[in-house]
Amino acid sequence: SYYRNLIHQNNAFPKKDKHFLIEKMRSA
């Protein structure tokens, strides 16, 4: 749930990193 929450936080980290995290979440 930590990574799910990170995705929903706006401006928590760069857009490129957010897309990376979203892609890894989809893979999982």
PDB file of all heavy atoms in Angstrom:
ATOM      1  N   SER A   1       0.828  -1.207   0.000  1.00  0.00           N
ATOM      2  CA  SER A   1       0.000   0.000   0.000  1.00  0.00           C
ATOM      3  C   SER A   1       0.865   1.262   0.000  1.00  0.00           C
ATOM      4  O   SER A   1       0.422   2.329  -0.435  1.00  0.00           O
ATOM      5  CB  SER A   1      -0.937  -0.001   1.207  1.00  0.00           C
ATOM      6  OG  SER A   1      -0.189  -0.051   2.405  1.00  0.00           O
ATOM      7  N   TYR A   2       2.095   1.139   0.425  1.00  0.00           N
ATOM      8  CA  TYR A   2       3.008   2.285   0.423  1.00  0.00           C
ATOM      9  C   TYR A   2       3.182   2.821  -0.997  1.00  0.00           C
ATOM     10  O   TYR A   2       3.107   4.019  -1.233  1.00  0.00           O
ATOM     11  CB  TYR A   2       4.358   1.875   1.018  1.00  0.00           C
ATOM     12  CG  TYR A   2       5.428   2.928   0.903  1.00  0.00           C
ATOM     13  CD1 TYR A   2       5.436   4.029   1.749  1.00  0.00           C
ATOM     14  CD2 TYR A   2       6.431   2.824  -0.054  1.00  0.00           C
ATOM     15  CE1 TYR A   2       6.409   5.008   1.634  1.00  0.00           C
ATOM     16  CE2 TYR A   2       7.417   3.785  -0.180  1.00  0.00           C
ATOM     17  CZ  TYR A   2       7.400   4.884   0.679  1.00  0.00           C
ATOM     18  OH  TYR A   2       8.362   5.847   0.566  1.00  0.00           O
ATOM     19  N   TYR A   3       3.396   1.929  -1.946  1.00  0.00           N
ATOM     20  CA  TYR A   3       3.596   2.350  -3.329  1.00  0.00           C
ATOM     21  C   TYR A   3       2.295   2.836  -3.959  1.00  0.00           C
ATOM     22  O   TYR A   3       2.297   3.751  -4.773  1.00  0.00           O
ATOM     23  CB  TYR A   3       4.213   1.212  -4.150  1.00  0.00           C
ATOM     24  CG  TYR A   3       5.607   0.898  -3.691  1.00  0.00           C
ATOM     25  CD1 TYR A   3       5.885  -0.258  -2.983  1.00  0.00           C
ATOM     26  CD2 TYR A   3       6.643   1.789  -3.939  1.00  0.00           C
ATOM     27  CE1 TYR A   3       7.159  -0.534  -2.535  1.00  0.00           C
ATOM     28  CE2 TYR A   3       7.931   1.516  -3.500  1.00  0.00           C
ATOM     29  CZ  TYR A   3       8.184   0.361  -2.801  1.00  0.00           C
ATOM     30  OH  TYR A   3       9.454   0.103  -2.360  1.00  0.00           O
ATOM     31  N   ARG A   4       1.181   2.251  -3.566  1.00  0.00           N
ATOM     32  CA  ARG A   4      -0.116   2.750  -4.058  1.00  0.00           C
ATOM     33  C   ARG A   4      -0.335   4.186  -3.600  1.00  0.00           C
ATOM     34  O   ARG A   4      -0.793   5.025  -4.368  1.00  0.00           O
ATOM     35  CB  ARG A   4      -1.254   1.874  -3.548  1.00  0.00           C
ATOM     36  CG  ARG A   4      -1.325   0.536  -4.201  1.00  0.00           C
ATOM     37  CD  ARG A   4      -2.481  -0.249  -3.637  1.00  0.00           C
ATOM     38  NE  ARG A   4      -2.366  -1.617  -4.088  1.00  0.00           N
ATOM     39  CZ  ARG A   4      -3.385  -2.358  -4.448  1.00  0.00           C
ATOM     40  NH1 ARG A   4      -4.585  -1.875  -4.392  1.00  0.00           N
ATOM     41  NH2 ARG A   4      -3.194  -3.590  -4.854  1.00  0.00           N
ATOM     42  N   ASN A   5       0.008   4.460  -2.355  1.00  0.00           N
ATOM     43  CA  ASN A   5      -0.158   5.822  -1.828  1.00  0.00           C
ATOM     44  C   ASN A   5       0.784   6.799  -2.521  1.00  0.00           C
ATOM     45  O   ASN A   5       0.426   7.955  -2.759  1.00  0.00           O
ATOM     46  CB  ASN A   5       0.069   5.843  -0.317  1.00  0.00           C
ATOM     47  CG  ASN A   5      -1.006   5.087   0.437  1.00  0.00           C
ATOM     48  OD1 ASN A   5      -2.116   4.917  -0.064  1.00  0.00           O
ATOM     49  ND2 ASN A   5      -0.686   4.610   1.622  1.00  0.00           N
ATOM     50  N   LEU A   6       1.995   6.364  -2.837  1.00  0.00           N
ATOM     51  CA  LEU A   6       2.942   7.239  -3.534  1.00  0.00           C
ATOM     52  C   LEU A   6       2.402   7.684  -4.896  1.00  0.00           C
ATOM     53  O   LEU A   6       2.579   8.831  -5.302  1.00  0.00           O
ATOM     54  CB  LEU A   6       4.275   6.524  -3.739  1.00  0.00           C
ATOM     55  CG  LEU A   6       5.300   6.591  -2.623  1.00  0.00           C
ATOM     56  CD1 LEU A   6       6.550   5.805  -3.003  1.00  0.00           C
ATOM     57  CD2 LEU A   6       5.672   8.009  -2.284  1.00  0.00           C
ATOM     58  N   ILE A   7       1.752   6.776  -5.580  1.00  0.00           N
ATOM     59  CA  ILE A   7       1.208   7.110  -6.908  1.00  0.00           C
ATOM     60  C   ILE A   7       0.148   8.192  -6.797  1.00  0.00           C
ATOM     61  O   ILE A   7       0.056   9.080  -7.650  1.00  0.00           O
ATOM     62  CB  ILE A   7       0.627   5.839  -7.580  1.00  0.00           C
ATOM     63  CG1 ILE A   7       1.770   4.917  -7.989  1.00  0.00           C
ATOM     64  CG2 ILE A   7      -0.236   6.186  -8.783  1.00  0.00           C
ATOM     65  CD1 ILE A   7       1.335   3.581  -8.523  1.00  0.00           C
ATOM     66  N   HIS A   8      -0.636   8.165  -5.729  1.00  0.00           N
ATOM     67  CA  HIS A   8      -1.736   9.125  -5.584  1.00  0.00           C
ATOM     68  C   HIS A   8      -1.294  10.469  -5.015  1.00  0.00           C
ATOM     69  O   HIS A   8      -2.088  11.408  -4.991  1.00  0.00           O
ATOM     70  CB  HIS A   8      -2.849   8.514  -4.738  1.00  0.00           C
ATOM     71  CG  HIS A   8      -3.474   7.307  -5.377  1.00  0.00           C
ATOM     72  ND1 HIS A   8      -3.976   7.309  -6.654  1.00  0.00           N
ATOM     73  CD2 HIS A   8      -3.653   6.045  -4.913  1.00  0.00           C
ATOM     74  CE1 HIS A   8      -4.439   6.123  -6.966  1.00  0.00           C
ATOM     75  NE2 HIS A   8      -4.251   5.316  -5.917  1.00  0.00           N
ATOM     76  N   GLN A   9      -0.055  10.558  -4.570  1.00  0.00           N
ATOM     77  CA  GLN A   9       0.446  11.852  -4.061  1.00  0.00           C
ATOM     78  C   GLN A   9       0.864  12.724  -5.240  1.00  0.00           C
ATOM     79  O   GLN A   9       1.636  12.294  -6.102  1.00  0.00           O
ATOM     80  CB  GLN A   9       1.638  11.648  -3.131  1.00  0.00           C
ATOM     81  CG  GLN A   9       1.286  11.008  -1.816  1.00  0.00           C
ATOM     82  CD  GLN A   9       2.508  10.799  -0.940  1.00  0.00           C
ATOM     83  OE1 GLN A   9       3.618  11.211  -1.281  1.00  0.00           O
ATOM     84  NE2 GLN A   9       2.310  10.154   0.198  1.00  0.00           N
ATOM     85  N   ASN A  10       0.330  13.920  -5.285  1.00  0.00           N
ATOM     86  CA  ASN A  10       0.694  14.853  -6.358  1.00  0.00           C
ATOM     87  C   ASN A  10       1.991  15.566  -6.022  1.00  0.00           C
ATOM     88  O   ASN A  10       2.217  15.970  -4.885  1.00  0.00           O
ATOM     89  CB  ASN A  10      -0.426  15.872  -6.580  1.00  0.00           C
ATOM     90  CG  ASN A  10      -1.659  15.223  -7.162  1.00  0.00           C
ATOM     91  OD1 ASN A  10      -1.545  14.254  -7.907  1.00  0.00           O
ATOM     92  ND2 ASN A  10      -2.828  15.740  -6.817  1.00  0.00           N
ATOM     93  N   ASN A  11       2.847  15.686  -6.996  1.00  0.00           N
ATOM     94  CA  ASN A  11       4.126  16.404  -6.883  1.00  0.00           C
ATOM     95  C   ASN A  11       5.045  15.836  -5.810  1.00  0.00           C
ATOM     96  O   ASN A  11       5.860  16.562  -5.254  1.00  0.00           O
ATOM     97  CB  ASN A  11       3.880  17.899  -6.632  1.00  0.00           C
ATOM     98  CG  ASN A  11       3.066  18.528  -7.738  1.00  0.00           C
ATOM     99  OD1 ASN A  11       3.220  18.172  -8.912  1.00  0.00           O
ATOM    100  ND2 ASN A  11       2.189  19.463  -7.381  1.00  0.00           N
ATOM    101  N   ALA A  12       4.907  14.565  -5.484  1.00  0.00           N
ATOM    102  CA  ALA A  12       5.780  13.951  -4.486  1.00  0.00           C
ATOM    103  C   ALA A  12       7.158  13.670  -5.082  1.00  0.00           C
ATOM    104  O   ALA A  12       8.153  13.684  -4.364  1.00  0.00           O
ATOM    105  CB  ALA A  12       5.167  12.654  -3.962  1.00  0.00           C
ATOM    106  N   PHE A  13       7.220  13.458  -6.391  1.00  0.00           N
ATOM    107  CA  PHE A  13       8.479  13.185  -7.071  1.00  0.00           C
ATOM    108  C   PHE A  13       8.284  13.484  -8.550  1.00  0.00           C
ATOM    109  O   PHE A  13       7.156  13.692  -9.008  1.00  0.00           O
ATOM    110  CB  PHE A  13       8.949  11.747  -6.839  1.00  0.00           C
ATOM    111  CG  PHE A  13       7.873  10.706  -6.916  1.00  0.00           C
ATOM    112  CD1 PHE A  13       7.533  10.129  -8.124  1.00  0.00           C
ATOM    113  CD2 PHE A  13       7.191  10.305  -5.777  1.00  0.00           C
ATOM    114  CE1 PHE A  13       6.546   9.179  -8.203  1.00  0.00           C
ATOM    115  CE2 PHE A  13       6.204   9.344  -5.857  1.00  0.00           C
ATOM    116  CZ  PHE A  13       5.866   8.781  -7.071  1.00  0.00           C
ATOM    117  N   PRO A  14       9.351  13.512  -9.318  1.00  0.00           N
ATOM    118  CA  PRO A  14       9.259  13.879 -10.741  1.00  0.00           C
ATOM    119  C   PRO A  14       8.298  12.964 -11.522  1.00  0.00           C
ATOM    120  O   PRO A  14       8.090  11.805 -11.176  1.00  0.00           O
ATOM    121  CB  PRO A  14      10.683  13.714 -11.267  1.00  0.00           C
ATOM    122  CG  PRO A  14      11.548  13.783 -10.065  1.00  0.00           C
ATOM    123  CD  PRO A  14      10.730  13.278  -8.913  1.00  0.00           C
ATOM    124  N   LYS A  15       7.736  13.530 -12.601  1.00  0.00           N
ATOM    125  CA  LYS A  15       6.758  12.825 -13.432  1.00  0.00           C
ATOM    126  C   LYS A  15       7.335  11.533 -14.017  1.00  0.00           C
ATOM    127  O   LYS A  15       6.650  10.512 -14.105  1.00  0.00           O
ATOM    128  CB  LYS A  15       6.305  13.763 -14.543  1.00  0.00           C
ATOM    129  CG  LYS A  15       5.080  13.312 -15.267  1.00  0.00           C
ATOM    130  CD  LYS A  15       4.610  14.406 -16.211  1.00  0.00           C
ATOM    131  CE  LYS A  15       3.261  14.045 -16.782  1.00  0.00           C
ATOM    132  NZ  LYS A  15       2.710  15.122 -17.595  1.00  0.00           N
ATOM    133  N   LYS A  16       8.594  11.580 -14.402  1.00  0.00           N
ATOM    134  CA  LYS A  16       9.266  10.402 -14.966  1.00  0.00           C
ATOM    135  C   LYS A  16       9.286   9.258 -13.949  1.00  0.00           C
ATOM    136  O   LYS A  16       9.013   8.100 -14.288  1.00  0.00           O
ATOM    137  CB  LYS A  16      10.696  10.784 -15.375  1.00  0.00           C
ATOM    138  CG  LYS A  16      11.506   9.643 -15.949  1.00  0.00           C
ATOM    139  CD  LYS A  16      12.880  10.093 -16.363  1.00  0.00           C
ATOM    140  CE  LYS A  16      13.783   9.937 -15.164  1.00  0.00           C
ATOM    141  NZ  LYS A  16      15.203  10.147 -15.464  1.00  0.00           N
ATOM    142  N   ASP A  17       9.563   9.571 -12.704  1.00  0.00           N
ATOM    143  CA  ASP A  17       9.593   8.564 -11.645  1.00  0.00           C
ATOM    144  C   ASP A  17       8.195   8.011 -11.368  1.00  0.00           C
ATOM    145  O   ASP A  17       8.018   6.816 -11.101  1.00  0.00           O
ATOM    146  CB  ASP A  17      10.189   9.137 -10.365  1.00  0.00           C
ATOM    147  CG  ASP A  17      11.656   9.488 -10.512  1.00  0.00           C
ATOM    148  OD1 ASP A  17      12.290   8.982 -11.468  1.00  0.00           O
ATOM    149  OD2 ASP A  17      12.174  10.259  -9.691  1.00  0.00           O
ATOM    150  N   LYS A  18       7.206   8.903 -11.457  1.00  0.00           N
ATOM    151  CA  LYS A  18       5.831   8.475 -11.219  1.00  0.00           C
ATOM    152  C   LYS A  18       5.391   7.498 -12.311  1.00  0.00           C
ATOM    153  O   LYS A  18       4.754   6.474 -12.023  1.00  0.00           O
ATOM    154  CB  LYS A  18       4.897   9.671 -11.171  1.00  0.00           C
ATOM    155  CG  LYS A  18       3.479   9.313 -10.792  1.00  0.00           C
ATOM    156  CD  LYS A  18       2.645  10.547 -10.540  1.00  0.00           C
ATOM    157  CE  LYS A  18       1.264  10.155 -10.049  1.00  0.00           C
ATOM    158  NZ  LYS A  18       0.493  11.304  -9.620  1.00  0.00           N
ATOM    159  N   HIS A  19       5.741   7.776 -13.562  1.00  0.00           N
ATOM    160  CA  HIS A  19       5.407   6.868 -14.655  1.00  0.00           C
ATOM    161  C   HIS A  19       6.104   5.516 -14.471  1.00  0.00           C
ATOM    162  O   HIS A  19       5.514   4.478 -14.748  1.00  0.00           O
ATOM    163  CB  HIS A  19       5.781   7.482 -16.013  1.00  0.00           C
ATOM    164  CG  HIS A  19       4.846   8.550 -16.454  1.00  0.00           C
ATOM    165  ND1 HIS A  19       3.529   8.315 -16.731  1.00  0.00           N
ATOM    166  CD2 HIS A  19       5.047   9.876 -16.666  1.00  0.00           C
ATOM    167  CE1 HIS A  19       2.941   9.433 -17.098  1.00  0.00           C
ATOM    168  NE2 HIS A  19       3.844  10.405 -17.056  1.00  0.00           N
ATOM    169  N   PHE A  20       7.340   5.548 -14.015  1.00  0.00           N
ATOM    170  CA  PHE A  20       8.071   4.303 -13.738  1.00  0.00           C
ATOM    171  C   PHE A  20       7.341   3.486 -12.677  1.00  0.00           C
ATOM    172  O   PHE A  20       7.137   2.280 -12.830  1.00  0.00           O
ATOM    173  CB  PHE A  20       9.502   4.623 -13.279  1.00  0.00           C
ATOM    174  CG  PHE A  20      10.280   3.420 -12.849  1.00  0.00           C
ATOM    175  CD1 PHE A  20      10.890   2.595 -13.799  1.00  0.00           C
ATOM    176  CD2 PHE A  20      10.405   3.091 -11.502  1.00  0.00           C
ATOM    177  CE1 PHE A  20      11.604   1.479 -13.410  1.00  0.00           C
ATOM    178  CE2 PHE A  20      11.120   1.978 -11.113  1.00  0.00           C
ATOM    179  CZ  PHE A  20      11.725   1.168 -12.068  1.00  0.00           C
ATOM    180  N   LEU A  21       6.930   4.159 -11.606  1.00  0.00           N
ATOM    181  CA  LEU A  21       6.235   3.489 -10.510  1.00  0.00           C
ATOM    182  C   LEU A  21       4.890   2.927 -10.979  1.00  0.00           C
ATOM    183  O   LEU A  21       4.523   1.800 -10.628  1.00  0.00           O
ATOM    184  CB  LEU A  21       6.034   4.454  -9.342  1.00  0.00           C
ATOM    185  CG  LEU A  21       5.480   3.878  -8.050  1.00  0.00           C
ATOM    186  CD1 LEU A  21       6.372   2.766  -7.540  1.00  0.00           C
ATOM    187  CD2 LEU A  21       5.346   4.971  -7.007  1.00  0.00           C
ATOM    188  N   ILE A  22       4.177   3.695 -11.795  1.00  0.00           N
ATOM    189  CA  ILE A  22       2.891   3.219 -12.320  1.00  0.00           C
ATOM    190  C   ILE A  22       3.091   1.975 -13.176  1.00  0.00           C
ATOM    191  O   ILE A  22       2.321   1.006 -13.079  1.00  0.00           O
ATOM    192  CB  ILE A  22       2.181   4.345 -13.114  1.00  0.00           C
ATOM    193  CG1 ILE A  22       1.694   5.427 -12.156  1.00  0.00           C
ATOM    194  CG2 ILE A  22       1.020   3.787 -13.938  1.00  0.00           C
ATOM    195  CD1 ILE A  22       1.193   6.689 -12.843  1.00  0.00           C
ATOM    196  N   GLU A  23       4.117   1.979 -14.010  1.00  0.00           N
ATOM    197  CA  GLU A  23       4.388   0.827 -14.871  1.00  0.00           C
ATOM    198  C   GLU A  23       4.737  -0.414 -14.035  1.00  0.00           C
ATOM    199  O   GLU A  23       4.277  -1.530 -14.332  1.00  0.00           O
ATOM    200  CB  GLU A  23       5.527   1.147 -15.843  1.00  0.00           C
ATOM    201  CG  GLU A  23       5.809   0.060 -16.836  1.00  0.00           C
ATOM    202  CD  GLU A  23       4.610  -0.302 -17.695  1.00  0.00           C
ATOM    203  OE1 GLU A  23       3.799   0.593 -18.025  1.00  0.00           O
ATOM    204  OE2 GLU A  23       4.466  -1.491 -18.023  1.00  0.00           O
ATOM    205  N   LYS A  24       5.528  -0.237 -13.001  1.00  0.00           N
ATOM    206  CA  LYS A  24       5.886  -1.367 -12.137  1.00  0.00           C
ATOM    207  C   LYS A  24       4.662  -1.875 -11.363  1.00  0.00           C
ATOM    208  O   LYS A  24       4.520  -3.079 -11.137  1.00  0.00           O
ATOM    209  CB  LYS A  24       7.007  -0.993 -11.162  1.00  0.00           C
ATOM    210  CG  LYS A  24       8.320  -0.684 -11.859  1.00  0.00           C
ATOM    211  CD  LYS A  24       8.755  -1.834 -12.720  1.00  0.00           C
ATOM    212  CE  LYS A  24       9.958  -1.496 -13.557  1.00  0.00           C
ATOM    213  NZ  LYS A  24      10.316  -2.530 -14.507  1.00  0.00           N
ATOM    214  N   MET A  25       3.783  -0.950 -10.991  1.00  0.00           N
ATOM    215  CA  MET A  25       2.552  -1.334 -10.291  1.00  0.00           C
ATOM    216  C   MET A  25       1.669  -2.169 -11.230  1.00  0.00           C
ATOM    217  O   MET A  25       1.103  -3.188 -10.821  1.00  0.00           O
ATOM    218  CB  MET A  25       1.803  -0.097  -9.817  1.00  0.00           C
ATOM    219  CG  MET A  25       0.588  -0.403  -8.972  1.00  0.00           C
ATOM    220  SD  MET A  25       0.980  -1.137  -7.378  1.00  0.00           S
ATOM    221  CE  MET A  25       1.675   0.252  -6.546  1.00  0.00           C
ATOM    222  N   ARG A  26       1.578  -1.767 -12.500  1.00  0.00           N
ATOM    223  CA  ARG A  26       0.803  -2.537 -13.477  1.00  0.00           C
ATOM    224  C   ARG A  26       1.399  -3.937 -13.661  1.00  0.00           C
ATOM    225  O   ARG A  26       0.667  -4.921 -13.777  1.00  0.00           O
ATOM    226  CB  ARG A  26       0.778  -1.812 -14.821  1.00  0.00           C
ATOM    227  CG  ARG A  26      -0.156  -0.640 -14.848  1.00  0.00           C
ATOM    228  CD  ARG A  26      -0.220  -0.031 -16.238  1.00  0.00           C
ATOM    229  NE  ARG A  26      -0.991   1.196 -16.176  1.00  0.00           N
ATOM    230  CZ  ARG A  26      -0.719   2.287 -16.853  1.00  0.00           C
ATOM    231  NH1 ARG A  26       0.318   2.317 -17.692  1.00  0.00           N
ATOM    232  NH2 ARG A  26      -1.461   3.348 -16.742  1.00  0.00           N
ATOM    233  N   SER A  27       2.711  -4.013 -13.712  1.00  0.00           N
ATOM    234  CA  SER A  27       3.371  -5.320 -13.856  1.00  0.00           C
ATOM    235  C   SER A  27       3.068  -6.212 -12.655  1.00  0.00           C
ATOM    236  O   SER A  27       2.806  -7.417 -12.812  1.00  0.00           O
ATOM    237  CB  SER A  27       4.882  -5.142 -13.988  1.00  0.00           C
ATOM    238  OG  SER A  27       5.201  -4.486 -15.168  1.00  0.00           O
ATOM    239  N   ALA A  28       3.109  -5.639 -11.463  1.00  0.00           N
ATOM    240  CA  ALA A  28       2.839  -6.408 -10.243  1.00  0.00           C
ATOM    241  C   ALA A  28       1.398  -6.905 -10.231  1.00  0.00           C
ATOM    242  O   ALA A  28       1.136  -8.074  -9.915  1.00  0.00           O
ATOM    243  CB  ALA A  28       3.126  -5.553  -9.010  1.00  0.00           C
TER     244      ALA A  28
END
